Every structure is written in structure tokens, then in C-alpha cells.
Amino acid sequence: MDKQDSIEEQLYQYLGRRINREEKNATLISAYKLSEEEINKIKKSFPEIKNYKLSNIIQTEIISGFMLKFGSYIMDFSLAGRLKNLHKLFYEIA
């Protein structure tokens, strides 16, 4: 093993430890403040975020439902998002 491989291996191990140590955060956007019970139900529905710390942000413009942001993912389960998709669909058909 040469010096270059050793440095790369050390860097790989260091980054792996950092990633495992970092607290994972997710953002839950809803039209109203969710209760702990509602947040826990959402966490149970998405096993990917079971170890994430969720912060609830209120945005009344989503009307109903919620949006979930974690990592590079954005999952939109809001009424406003569905209406926007329906609007796009109408313009694609016309």
C-alpha cells in the first residue's frame, strides 16, 4: 500500500465517522402546527426518517396536508401541490 492509498483510506474512514455522527434533520411543512402524535404517525409511515430530528414549519399556503424535506428529497403531500399538478396536467392536455 503506497502513501496515496493510505491517505485516501484515512479520509474515507474519517468521512464515514463524521457522517454517522451527524444528527440527521428533516423538515415537516404543514398548514398548522402538528401534535407530537401526528408527527410520530408520519415518522412511522416513512421508515427512512425514523432516526431524523423533525422540525415542523407552518406554511398556510399549502392549504392542507404536508411536505417532507430530508436529505435531497422533497415529498409533497399537500393540497396545494396536488392542485399545481392538476393545473399542469390541464395545460398539457390543452
C-alpha atoms as a PDB file:
ATOM      1  CA  MET A   1       0.000   0.000   0.000  1.00  0.00           C
ATOM      2  CA  ASP A   2       1.541   3.290  -1.033  1.00  0.00           C
ATOM      3  CA  LYS A   3       1.211   6.666   0.683  1.00  0.00           C
ATOM      4  CA  GLN A   4      -1.605   7.825  -1.677  1.00  0.00           C
ATOM      5  CA  ASP A   5      -3.765   4.777  -0.867  1.00  0.00           C
ATOM      6  CA  SER A   6      -3.164   5.268   2.847  1.00  0.00           C
ATOM      7  CA  ILE A   7      -4.287   8.909   2.743  1.00  0.00           C
ATOM      8  CA  GLU A   8      -7.386   8.029   0.712  1.00  0.00           C
ATOM      9  CA  GLU A   9      -8.283   5.227   3.141  1.00  0.00           C
ATOM     10  CA  GLN A  10      -7.844   7.519   6.146  1.00  0.00           C
ATOM     11  CA  LEU A  11     -10.003  10.192   4.522  1.00  0.00           C
ATOM     12  CA  TYR A  12     -12.683   7.630   3.681  1.00  0.00           C
ATOM     13  CA  GLN A  13     -12.750   6.369   7.278  1.00  0.00           C
ATOM     14  CA  TYR A  14     -12.819   9.909   8.691  1.00  0.00           C
ATOM     15  CA  LEU A  15     -15.720  10.965   6.468  1.00  0.00           C
ATOM     16  CA  GLY A  16     -17.611   7.772   7.326  1.00  0.00           C
ATOM     17  CA  ARG A  17     -17.296   8.530  11.038  1.00  0.00           C
ATOM     18  CA  ARG A  18     -18.411  12.146  10.517  1.00  0.00           C
ATOM     19  CA  ILE A  19     -21.493  11.104   8.545  1.00  0.00           C
ATOM     20  CA  ASN A  20     -22.511   8.555  11.178  1.00  0.00           C
ATOM     21  CA  ARG A  21     -22.048  11.078  13.979  1.00  0.00           C
ATOM     22  CA  GLU A  22     -24.004  13.933  12.407  1.00  0.00           C
ATOM     23  CA  GLU A  23     -27.555  14.452  13.543  1.00  0.00           C
ATOM     24  CA  LYS A  24     -29.936  13.978  10.681  1.00  0.00           C
ATOM     25  CA  ASN A  25     -32.610  16.626  10.305  1.00  0.00           C
ATOM     26  CA  ALA A  26     -35.825  16.698   8.344  1.00  0.00           C
ATOM     27  CA  THR A  27     -38.362  19.454   7.826  1.00  0.00           C
ATOM     28  CA  LEU A  28     -42.065  18.820   8.022  1.00  0.00           C
ATOM     29  CA  ILE A  29     -44.089  21.651   6.478  1.00  0.00           C
ATOM     30  CA  SER A  30     -47.783  21.805   7.307  1.00  0.00           C
ATOM     31  CA  ALA A  31     -50.672  24.269   7.258  1.00  0.00           C
ATOM     32  CA  TYR A  32     -50.892  24.157  11.081  1.00  0.00           C
ATOM     33  CA  LYS A  33     -48.704  23.087  13.991  1.00  0.00           C
ATOM     34  CA  LEU A  34     -48.728  19.323  14.193  1.00  0.00           C
ATOM     35  CA  SER A  35     -49.044  17.491  17.501  1.00  0.00           C
ATOM     36  CA  GLU A  36     -46.372  15.035  18.645  1.00  0.00           C
ATOM     37  CA  GLU A  37     -48.822  12.223  17.897  1.00  0.00           C
ATOM     38  CA  GLU A  38     -49.258  13.407  14.284  1.00  0.00           C
ATOM     39  CA  ILE A  39     -45.501  13.794  13.837  1.00  0.00           C
ATOM     40  CA  ASN A  40     -44.904  10.292  15.206  1.00  0.00           C
ATOM     41  CA  LYS A  41     -47.503   8.834  12.809  1.00  0.00           C
ATOM     42  CA  ILE A  42     -45.726  10.493   9.888  1.00  0.00           C
ATOM     43  CA  LYS A  43     -42.349   9.179  11.121  1.00  0.00           C
ATOM     44  CA  LYS A  44     -43.787   5.654  11.322  1.00  0.00           C
ATOM     45  CA  SER A  45     -45.113   5.979   7.761  1.00  0.00           C
ATOM     46  CA  PHE A  46     -41.638   6.826   6.423  1.00  0.00           C
ATOM     47  CA  PRO A  47     -39.001   4.443   7.811  1.00  0.00           C
ATOM     48  CA  GLU A  48     -36.294   6.477   6.043  1.00  0.00           C
ATOM     49  CA  ILE A  49     -36.702   9.252   8.626  1.00  0.00           C
ATOM     50  CA  LYS A  50     -37.231   7.244  11.808  1.00  0.00           C
ATOM     51  CA  ASN A  51     -33.881   8.429  13.226  1.00  0.00           C
ATOM     52  CA  TYR A  52     -34.219  12.008  11.986  1.00  0.00           C
ATOM     53  CA  LYS A  53     -34.985  15.018  14.133  1.00  0.00           C
ATOM     54  CA  LEU A  54     -38.117  16.622  12.659  1.00  0.00           C
ATOM     55  CA  SER A  55     -38.846  20.316  12.783  1.00  0.00           C
ATOM     56  CA  ASN A  56     -42.371  21.459  11.986  1.00  0.00           C
ATOM     57  CA  ILE A  57     -42.684  24.623   9.893  1.00  0.00           C
ATOM     58  CA  ILE A  58     -46.080  26.189   9.337  1.00  0.00           C
ATOM     59  CA  GLN A  59     -46.993  27.479   5.863  1.00  0.00           C
ATOM     60  CA  THR A  60     -50.706  28.097   5.499  1.00  0.00           C
ATOM     61  CA  GLU A  61     -50.413  28.415   1.708  1.00  0.00           C
ATOM     62  CA  ILE A  62     -50.130  24.618   1.366  1.00  0.00           C
ATOM     63  CA  ILE A  63     -53.830  24.587   2.430  1.00  0.00           C
ATOM     64  CA  SER A  64     -53.871  21.014   3.777  1.00  0.00           C
ATOM     65  CA  GLY A  65     -51.582  18.011   4.042  1.00  0.00           C
ATOM     66  CA  PHE A  66     -47.822  18.297   4.465  1.00  0.00           C
ATOM     67  CA  MET A  67     -44.472  18.422   2.713  1.00  0.00           C
ATOM     68  CA  LEU A  68     -41.493  16.446   3.951  1.00  0.00           C
ATOM     69  CA  LYS A  69     -37.913  17.512   3.211  1.00  0.00           C
ATOM     70  CA  PHE A  70     -34.939  15.351   4.136  1.00  0.00           C
ATOM     71  CA  GLY A  71     -31.555  14.929   2.524  1.00  0.00           C
ATOM     72  CA  SER A  72     -32.040  15.796  -1.131  1.00  0.00           C
ATOM     73  CA  TYR A  73     -35.676  14.629  -1.158  1.00  0.00           C
ATOM     74  CA  ILE A  74     -38.850  16.695  -1.125  1.00  0.00           C
ATOM     75  CA  MET A  75     -42.102  14.781  -0.800  1.00  0.00           C
ATOM     76  CA  ASP A  76     -45.211  16.861  -1.398  1.00  0.00           C
ATOM     77  CA  PHE A  77     -48.453  15.542   0.073  1.00  0.00           C
ATOM     78  CA  SER A  78     -50.128  18.956   0.219  1.00  0.00           C
ATOM     79  CA  LEU A  79     -53.378  20.049  -1.366  1.00  0.00           C
ATOM     80  CA  ALA A  80     -51.584  22.996  -2.977  1.00  0.00           C
ATOM     81  CA  GLY A  81     -49.086  20.604  -4.576  1.00  0.00           C
ATOM     82  CA  ARG A  82     -51.848  18.387  -5.925  1.00  0.00           C
ATOM     83  CA  LEU A  83     -53.685  21.390  -7.333  1.00  0.00           C
ATOM     84  CA  LYS A  84     -50.491  22.576  -9.005  1.00  0.00           C
ATOM     85  CA  ASN A  85     -50.010  19.154 -10.607  1.00  0.00           C
ATOM     86  CA  LEU A  86     -53.617  19.147 -11.788  1.00  0.00           C
ATOM     87  CA  HIS A  87     -53.119  22.623 -13.269  1.00  0.00           C
ATOM     88  CA  LYS A  88     -50.042  21.401 -15.184  1.00  0.00           C
ATOM     89  CA  LEU A  89     -51.982  18.391 -16.434  1.00  0.00           C
ATOM     90  CA  PHE A  90     -54.774  20.586 -17.827  1.00  0.00           C
ATOM     91  CA  TYR A  91     -52.272  22.718 -19.717  1.00  0.00           C
ATOM     92  CA  GLU A  92     -50.506  19.638 -21.114  1.00  0.00           C
ATOM     93  CA  ILE A  93     -53.808  18.258 -22.428  1.00  0.00           C
ATOM     94  CA  ALA A  94     -54.966  21.547 -23.961  1.00  0.00           C
END
